[in-house]
Amino acid sequence: MAYLPPKLQGGSALLAIGLAEDRVHVTDFMGNGEYPAHRAEKDEAERYVASVVAALAHGEANALAGELERYLGAMFPPDELRAGETNPALAARQIGFAALQRAVDDALYELEERSFDAPTPEDLAFVRCPSLLDRLTRDGLVRLRASDVADEGLRAEGVFVVGGCAIYPHPMLAPARELVVELLDLAAAAELEVAIAIHPYRVTDVDEVPMRLLEDYWYGVKLTAENLDSLDRHDVGVRTFHAARQDTVERFFFPLLGTWFDWERRSRNDAGDPVKRLYVREVRPAADRQGEPLVAALNRELHAERDTAARRFTHVDGKMCWYDAVDYEPTPSRPDAPLGTPRLSRKLWRVDGRIPDATWEQLVGLHFRQNELIAEHLGAVLSDRPT
């Protein structure tokens, strides 16, 4: 009988990441180190891989590498795979981690498929909070009460509370974050009847809710539809800083300290100049996940110009800047410390002309991919604006 790597069980820490974040890259747990914030995930990964390595050593899984060829090619660059050809121990670990990634993907896919089923008392959310069963509608939605959504901060996270349990929206509904928050706000107003589908397998204590919006912090100009095209001195010339929350899965996969946003007038002397400039400077750490110093911090930066009279962006460009680690001041405890002057910089792209807001927003979002602070600062005024 062909060897079958084990399936992930319901208490899997890795599966919990997938449920919370909809993405797991198990190779992030392949390196050495203490992994203090992710010890459970690291231990689970090593136990799983060790079981696969043992099966390979006993000749029980000879066909496994062939089965996982697609995973191996996607997870490891060619030079690492070539290194495994002359290093059997490395090759076995690569196969083990590929098997683990497949197990995570299969488990998430299975849960996603099962989430289409009607709710049952055996679903984790109803086991933890059985009173929800009494609120089910005929179509499997949970009726909301104003008392469930009394906490404005939790509403902003798309979470409601019943019996001390944090209840999360259905995995097919959760990506529509603005819609979820609007539904919870309507429930809080108690003027309409609101019911939503809930996540059958995700439920936590209230103090375990990942407060992405509440715990991010910023200071400076809060961008609004009204001041986007303002040249008033209160709306330009003030540096705005958004800090990134550190104890999240996002920070494990994409280390980030914060982002600077500077809106300025193009001309300080010509009061008739309608152009407003934006400078965006990303702040990434100059140390790795274990706190070991790196050679440099590589930060993406962007410059744009907006004609406030025409209400159009007319220019945008993106570049990469190299800041030497030895004199780089930002740290997790001082994320807004001065960046200093980059030793190297390279402009990577630019666009000029009457740029539709939707096109400009797309370019900025793609340039700063994985940096959620960009949307935190810009998204409220640019999304769904007429083009």
Protein backbone atom coordinates (compact mmCIF):
# COMPACT_ATOMS: atom_id res chain seq x y z
CA MET A 1 0.00 0.00 0.00
CA ALA A 2 1.32 3.45 -0.95
CA TYR A 3 2.38 5.68 1.93
CA LEU A 4 -0.12 8.42 2.78
CA PRO A 5 1.20 11.40 4.76
CA PRO A 6 -1.13 12.20 7.69
CA LYS A 7 -3.98 14.66 7.39
CA LEU A 8 -4.08 17.75 9.59
CA GLN A 9 -6.38 17.53 12.57
CA GLY A 10 -8.80 20.15 13.89
CA GLY A 11 -6.39 21.45 16.55
CA SER A 12 -3.65 22.19 14.01
CA ALA A 13 -1.87 25.51 14.65
CA LEU A 14 -0.96 25.70 10.96
CA LEU A 15 -4.56 25.15 9.96
CA ALA A 16 -5.58 27.90 12.37
CA ILE A 17 -3.32 30.32 10.46
CA GLY A 18 -5.00 29.30 7.23
CA LEU A 19 -8.45 29.85 8.69
CA ALA A 20 -7.48 33.25 10.03
CA GLU A 21 -5.38 34.52 7.15
CA ASP A 22 -6.34 32.34 4.16
CA ARG A 23 -2.69 31.68 3.41
CA VAL A 24 0.06 29.49 4.85
CA HIS A 25 3.58 29.14 3.48
CA VAL A 26 5.03 26.25 5.48
CA THR A 27 8.58 26.91 4.26
CA ASP A 28 8.57 29.92 6.60
CA PHE A 29 8.91 27.33 9.38
CA MET A 30 11.79 25.47 7.71
CA GLY A 31 14.66 27.49 9.12
CA ASN A 32 16.54 27.31 12.39
CA GLY A 33 15.66 29.58 15.27
CA GLU A 34 13.42 29.86 18.30
CA TYR A 35 10.29 31.18 16.53
CA PRO A 36 9.09 32.70 19.84
CA ALA A 37 5.84 34.07 18.41
CA HIS A 38 5.11 30.95 16.37
CA ARG A 39 6.46 28.09 18.47
CA ALA A 40 3.36 25.92 18.10
CA GLU A 41 3.43 26.20 14.31
CA LYS A 42 7.17 25.46 14.17
CA ASP A 43 6.81 22.41 16.43
CA GLU A 44 3.88 21.07 14.43
CA ALA A 45 5.77 21.51 11.16
CA GLU A 46 8.85 19.71 12.48
CA ARG A 47 6.79 16.81 13.86
CA TYR A 48 4.99 16.39 10.57
CA VAL A 49 8.15 16.59 8.47
CA ALA A 50 9.94 14.15 10.79
CA SER A 51 7.21 11.57 10.20
CA VAL A 52 7.59 11.92 6.44
CA VAL A 53 11.40 11.77 6.64
CA ALA A 54 11.13 8.57 8.71
CA ALA A 55 8.85 7.00 6.11
CA LEU A 56 11.32 7.92 3.36
CA ALA A 57 14.21 6.44 5.34
CA HIS A 58 12.34 3.13 5.73
CA GLY A 59 11.58 2.96 2.02
CA GLU A 60 7.85 3.38 2.61
CA ALA A 61 7.40 6.56 0.57
CA ASN A 62 9.51 6.11 -2.55
CA ALA A 63 6.80 7.49 -4.83
CA LEU A 64 6.15 10.58 -2.74
CA ALA A 65 8.62 12.89 -4.51
CA GLY A 66 6.91 12.18 -7.82
CA GLU A 67 3.49 12.87 -6.33
CA LEU A 68 4.73 16.17 -4.97
CA GLU A 69 6.66 17.30 -8.04
CA ARG A 70 4.38 20.31 -8.61
CA TYR A 71 4.67 21.39 -4.97
CA LEU A 72 8.43 20.97 -4.91
CA GLY A 73 8.84 23.06 -8.05
CA ALA A 74 6.62 25.83 -6.67
CA MET A 75 8.09 25.92 -3.17
CA PHE A 76 11.84 25.69 -3.80
CA PRO A 77 14.02 27.52 -6.35
CA PRO A 78 16.03 25.38 -8.77
CA ASP A 79 19.33 25.86 -6.94
CA GLU A 80 17.83 24.52 -3.69
CA LEU A 81 16.38 21.51 -5.49
CA ARG A 82 19.77 20.86 -7.11
CA ALA A 83 21.39 21.04 -3.68
CA GLY A 84 18.97 18.35 -2.54
CA GLU A 85 20.18 16.05 -5.31
CA THR A 86 23.52 15.72 -3.53
CA ASN A 87 22.21 16.06 0.02
CA PRO A 88 19.71 13.29 0.87
CA ALA A 89 18.83 14.84 4.25
CA LEU A 90 17.94 18.15 2.61
CA ALA A 91 15.96 16.40 -0.12
CA ALA A 92 13.98 14.48 2.50
CA ARG A 93 13.12 17.69 4.35
CA GLN A 94 12.06 19.35 1.11
CA ILE A 95 9.73 16.44 0.40
CA GLY A 96 8.44 16.58 3.98
CA PHE A 97 7.63 20.27 3.75
CA ALA A 98 6.02 19.79 0.34
CA ALA A 99 3.83 17.07 1.86
CA LEU A 100 2.94 19.41 4.73
CA GLN A 101 1.98 22.22 2.34
CA ARG A 102 -0.27 19.82 0.45
CA ALA A 103 -1.84 18.68 3.72
CA VAL A 104 -2.58 22.30 4.71
CA ASP A 105 -4.03 23.07 1.29
CA ASP A 106 -6.16 19.91 1.31
CA ALA A 107 -7.47 20.64 4.82
CA LEU A 108 -8.38 24.23 3.94
CA TYR A 109 -10.04 23.12 0.72
CA GLU A 110 -12.04 20.47 2.58
CA LEU A 111 -13.19 22.98 5.20
CA GLU A 112 -14.09 25.48 2.49
CA GLU A 113 -16.15 22.85 0.69
CA ARG A 114 -17.84 21.80 3.91
CA SER A 115 -18.67 25.41 4.71
CA PHE A 116 -21.29 25.29 1.93
CA ASP A 117 -23.26 22.78 3.98
CA ALA A 118 -26.07 23.83 6.27
CA PRO A 119 -24.95 24.58 9.85
CA THR A 120 -25.00 21.65 12.28
CA PRO A 121 -24.71 21.42 16.09
CA GLU A 122 -21.36 19.66 15.54
CA ASP A 123 -19.77 22.71 13.93
CA LEU A 124 -17.12 24.20 16.23
CA ALA A 125 -18.86 27.58 16.45
CA PHE A 126 -22.06 25.95 17.71
CA VAL A 127 -20.21 23.60 20.04
CA ARG A 128 -18.50 26.60 21.67
CA CYS A 129 -21.61 28.75 21.59
CA PRO A 130 -24.72 26.52 21.48
CA SER A 131 -27.12 29.44 21.98
CA LEU A 132 -26.48 30.37 18.34
CA LEU A 133 -28.54 27.37 17.27
CA ASP A 134 -31.69 29.10 18.51
CA ARG A 135 -30.98 32.04 16.21
CA LEU A 136 -30.67 30.14 12.94
CA THR A 137 -32.93 31.13 10.09
CA ARG A 138 -34.29 28.62 7.59
CA ASP A 139 -31.46 29.46 5.23
CA GLY A 140 -28.75 28.83 7.82
CA LEU A 141 -27.99 32.41 8.84
CA VAL A 142 -27.54 33.66 12.40
CA ARG A 143 -29.80 36.52 13.49
CA LEU A 144 -27.85 39.37 15.04
CA ARG A 145 -28.83 41.35 18.12
CA ALA A 146 -27.71 44.84 19.02
CA SER A 147 -26.04 43.48 22.15
CA ASP A 148 -23.82 41.24 19.99
CA VAL A 149 -22.24 44.23 18.27
CA ALA A 150 -22.12 46.79 21.06
CA ASP A 151 -18.33 47.01 20.88
CA GLU A 152 -17.50 49.42 18.05
CA GLY A 153 -13.91 48.22 17.85
CA LEU A 154 -14.94 44.60 17.35
CA ARG A 155 -17.50 45.65 14.76
CA ALA A 156 -14.69 47.34 12.85
CA GLU A 157 -12.91 43.97 12.82
CA GLY A 158 -16.00 42.25 11.41
CA VAL A 159 -16.59 40.27 14.62
CA PHE A 160 -19.59 39.93 16.92
CA VAL A 161 -19.78 38.48 20.44
CA VAL A 162 -22.16 35.94 21.93
CA GLY A 163 -21.68 34.40 25.37
CA GLY A 164 -18.08 35.60 25.61
CA CYS A 165 -17.18 34.00 22.26
CA ALA A 166 -15.99 35.96 19.24
CA ILE A 167 -17.93 34.82 16.18
CA TYR A 168 -16.51 35.40 12.70
CA PRO A 169 -18.21 35.77 9.31
CA HIS A 170 -18.44 32.86 6.88
CA PRO A 171 -15.24 32.29 4.84
CA MET A 172 -17.10 33.26 1.67
CA LEU A 173 -18.33 36.48 3.29
CA ALA A 174 -15.23 37.52 5.23
CA PRO A 175 -13.31 38.94 2.21
CA ALA A 176 -16.13 41.51 1.77
CA ARG A 177 -14.91 43.36 4.85
CA GLU A 178 -16.75 46.62 4.20
CA LEU A 179 -20.01 44.74 3.65
CA VAL A 180 -19.57 42.80 6.88
CA VAL A 181 -18.91 45.95 8.88
CA GLU A 182 -21.95 47.65 7.32
CA LEU A 183 -24.14 44.68 8.28
CA LEU A 184 -22.87 44.75 11.85
CA ASP A 185 -23.46 48.51 12.03
CA LEU A 186 -27.04 47.97 10.86
CA ALA A 187 -27.50 45.35 13.56
CA ALA A 188 -26.16 47.80 16.14
CA ALA A 189 -28.72 50.41 15.05
CA ALA A 190 -31.47 47.83 15.74
CA GLU A 191 -33.80 49.30 13.12
CA LEU A 192 -33.57 46.40 10.66
CA GLU A 193 -33.38 42.63 11.02
CA VAL A 194 -29.91 41.44 10.10
CA ALA A 195 -28.69 37.85 9.75
CA ILE A 196 -25.37 36.59 8.42
CA ALA A 197 -23.64 33.30 7.69
CA ILE A 198 -20.94 32.53 10.25
CA HIS A 199 -17.65 30.69 10.01
CA PRO A 200 -18.48 27.17 11.22
CA TYR A 201 -14.92 26.34 12.33
CA ARG A 202 -13.50 29.61 13.60
CA VAL A 203 -14.41 30.85 17.08
CA THR A 204 -12.15 32.40 19.72
CA ASP A 205 -12.25 34.13 23.05
CA VAL A 206 -12.83 37.85 22.71
CA ASP A 207 -9.30 38.69 23.86
CA GLU A 208 -7.91 36.57 21.00
CA VAL A 209 -9.52 38.64 18.24
CA PRO A 210 -6.75 40.02 15.99
CA MET A 211 -7.36 43.76 16.31
CA ARG A 212 -5.82 44.82 13.02
CA LEU A 213 -7.52 48.20 12.85
CA LEU A 214 -7.53 49.14 16.52
CA GLU A 215 -3.93 48.31 17.21
CA ASP A 216 -2.45 49.86 14.10
CA TYR A 217 -1.76 53.49 14.92
CA TRP A 218 -1.10 56.61 12.94
CA TYR A 219 -0.68 60.32 13.37
CA GLY A 220 -0.78 63.25 11.00
CA VAL A 221 -3.31 64.07 8.28
CA LYS A 222 -6.29 61.74 8.00
CA LEU A 223 -7.08 61.65 4.30
CA THR A 224 -10.71 62.26 3.36
CA ALA A 225 -12.64 62.90 0.17
CA GLU A 226 -12.88 66.53 1.21
CA ASN A 227 -9.16 67.20 1.75
CA LEU A 228 -7.72 65.06 -1.06
CA ASP A 229 -7.68 68.09 -3.35
CA SER A 230 -7.13 70.68 -0.63
CA LEU A 231 -4.04 72.89 -0.58
CA ASP A 232 -4.91 74.33 2.81
CA ARG A 233 -1.92 74.48 5.15
CA HIS A 234 -3.73 72.07 7.52
CA ASP A 235 -3.85 69.44 4.77
CA VAL A 236 -0.31 69.70 3.38
CA GLY A 237 3.14 69.88 4.89
CA VAL A 238 2.24 67.53 7.75
CA ARG A 239 4.00 64.17 7.89
CA THR A 240 1.67 61.23 8.45
CA PHE A 241 2.90 57.95 9.88
CA HIS A 242 1.08 54.61 10.04
CA ALA A 243 2.70 51.92 12.18
CA ALA A 244 2.30 48.22 11.44
CA ARG A 245 1.19 45.87 14.20
CA GLN A 246 4.03 43.44 14.86
CA ASP A 247 2.51 40.34 16.49
CA THR A 248 0.59 39.14 13.44
CA VAL A 249 1.00 36.49 10.80
CA GLU A 250 1.28 39.26 8.21
CA ARG A 251 4.44 40.51 9.90
CA PHE A 252 5.91 37.00 9.94
CA PHE A 253 5.54 36.70 6.17
CA PHE A 254 6.23 40.37 5.37
CA PRO A 255 8.27 42.23 8.01
CA LEU A 256 7.17 45.87 8.15
CA LEU A 257 7.53 48.63 10.75
CA GLY A 258 5.38 51.34 9.20
CA THR A 259 4.87 53.74 6.32
CA TRP A 260 5.28 57.51 5.94
CA PHE A 261 2.86 59.60 3.85
CA ASP A 262 3.83 63.20 3.07
CA TRP A 263 1.45 65.53 1.20
CA GLU A 264 3.07 68.80 0.10
CA ARG A 265 2.46 71.72 -2.25
CA ARG A 266 4.68 71.52 -5.31
CA SER A 267 5.46 75.23 -5.12
CA ARG A 268 5.98 77.01 -1.84
CA ASN A 269 6.21 80.39 -3.56
CA ASP A 270 3.54 80.24 -6.28
CA ALA A 271 0.11 80.37 -4.62
CA GLY A 272 -1.50 79.69 -8.00
CA ASP A 273 0.21 76.34 -8.51
CA PRO A 274 -2.57 73.72 -8.10
CA VAL A 275 -0.27 70.69 -7.90
CA LYS A 276 -0.06 68.66 -4.72
CA ARG A 277 2.71 66.10 -4.21
CA LEU A 278 2.63 62.81 -2.34
CA TYR A 279 5.69 60.97 -1.07
CA VAL A 280 5.25 57.47 0.35
CA ARG A 281 8.15 55.84 2.18
CA GLU A 282 7.93 52.29 3.44
CA VAL A 283 9.79 51.40 6.66
CA ARG A 284 11.02 47.82 6.80
CA PRO A 285 13.27 46.44 9.56
CA ALA A 286 17.03 46.12 9.26
CA ALA A 287 16.96 42.82 11.19
CA ASP A 288 15.58 39.36 10.46
CA ARG A 289 12.78 37.57 12.32
CA GLN A 290 15.21 36.40 14.98
CA GLY A 291 16.53 39.92 15.53
CA GLU A 292 19.82 39.33 13.73
CA PRO A 293 21.05 42.41 11.85
CA LEU A 294 20.80 42.53 8.10
CA VAL A 295 23.14 44.34 5.75
CA ALA A 296 20.46 46.79 4.72
CA ALA A 297 16.78 47.69 4.82
CA LEU A 298 15.23 47.73 1.35
CA ASN A 299 12.27 50.10 1.30
CA ARG A 300 9.86 50.76 -1.53
CA GLU A 301 9.08 54.42 -2.11
CA LEU A 302 6.70 56.33 -4.35
CA HIS A 303 6.21 59.87 -5.61
CA ALA A 304 3.00 61.20 -7.16
CA GLU A 305 1.59 64.54 -8.28
CA ARG A 306 -2.08 65.52 -8.32
CA ASP A 307 -3.61 68.48 -10.13
CA THR A 308 -6.09 69.64 -7.50
CA ALA A 309 -7.87 71.93 -9.98
CA ALA A 310 -8.50 69.10 -12.45
CA ARG A 311 -8.90 66.57 -9.59
CA ARG A 312 -6.57 64.14 -11.37
CA PHE A 313 -3.24 62.52 -10.67
CA THR A 314 -0.83 63.48 -13.43
CA HIS A 315 2.29 61.58 -12.40
CA VAL A 316 3.36 58.57 -10.34
CA ASP A 317 6.65 56.72 -10.06
CA GLY A 318 8.01 53.96 -7.85
CA LYS A 319 11.52 53.14 -6.70
CA MET A 320 13.53 50.96 -4.32
CA CYS A 321 15.89 52.47 -1.74
CA TRP A 322 18.79 50.77 0.07
CA TYR A 323 19.43 51.99 3.63
CA ASP A 324 22.61 50.72 5.29
CA ALA A 325 21.75 48.88 8.49
CA VAL A 326 24.62 50.39 10.50
CA ASP A 327 23.04 53.85 10.66
CA TYR A 328 19.39 52.89 10.18
CA GLU A 329 17.36 54.07 13.16
CA PRO A 330 13.84 52.57 12.82
CA THR A 331 13.19 49.55 15.07
CA PRO A 332 10.02 47.79 16.31
CA SER A 333 10.12 49.97 19.43
CA ARG A 334 10.78 53.15 17.41
CA PRO A 335 9.16 52.51 14.03
CA ASP A 336 8.87 56.21 13.22
CA ALA A 337 12.54 57.02 13.83
CA PRO A 338 14.21 58.97 10.99
CA LEU A 339 15.03 56.90 7.94
CA GLY A 340 18.15 58.85 7.08
CA THR A 341 19.46 59.01 3.52
CA PRO A 342 19.50 55.91 1.32
CA ARG A 343 22.90 54.86 0.09
CA LEU A 344 21.42 53.54 -3.14
CA SER A 345 18.13 54.08 -4.95
CA ARG A 346 16.69 52.91 -8.26
CA LYS A 347 13.56 54.22 -9.93
CA LEU A 348 11.66 51.24 -11.26
CA TRP A 349 8.68 52.70 -13.15
CA ARG A 350 6.70 55.87 -13.87
CA VAL A 351 3.43 56.89 -15.50
CA ASP A 352 2.51 60.40 -16.71
CA GLY A 353 -0.70 61.90 -18.07
CA ARG A 354 -4.28 62.33 -16.86
CA ILE A 355 -4.38 59.18 -14.75
CA PRO A 356 -7.82 57.88 -13.69
CA ASP A 357 -8.04 57.45 -9.93
CA ALA A 358 -8.80 53.74 -10.27
CA THR A 359 -5.69 53.23 -12.43
CA TRP A 360 -3.53 55.25 -10.05
CA GLU A 361 -4.83 53.30 -7.06
CA GLN A 362 -4.12 50.00 -8.82
CA LEU A 363 -0.55 51.02 -9.61
CA VAL A 364 0.12 52.15 -6.04
CA GLY A 365 -1.41 49.00 -4.56
CA LEU A 366 0.64 46.73 -6.78
CA HIS A 367 3.85 48.63 -6.08
CA PHE A 368 3.28 48.26 -2.34
CA ARG A 369 1.90 44.73 -2.50
CA GLN A 370 1.51 43.14 1.00
CA ASN A 371 1.64 46.55 2.72
CA GLU A 372 -1.85 46.93 4.20
CA LEU A 373 -1.03 50.44 5.46
CA ILE A 374 -1.36 51.82 1.94
CA ALA A 375 -5.05 50.97 1.85
CA GLU A 376 -5.41 52.20 5.43
CA HIS A 377 -4.30 55.68 4.34
CA LEU A 378 -5.59 55.91 0.77
CA GLY A 379 -8.38 53.40 0.30
CA ALA A 380 -11.21 55.34 1.90
CA VAL A 381 -10.99 58.23 -0.56
CA LEU A 382 -9.95 56.53 -3.78
CA SER A 383 -12.04 53.36 -3.90
CA ASP A 384 -15.12 53.70 -6.07
CA ARG A 385 -14.34 57.31 -7.04
CA PRO A 386 -15.49 58.25 -10.55
CA THR A 387 -12.88 57.88 -13.24
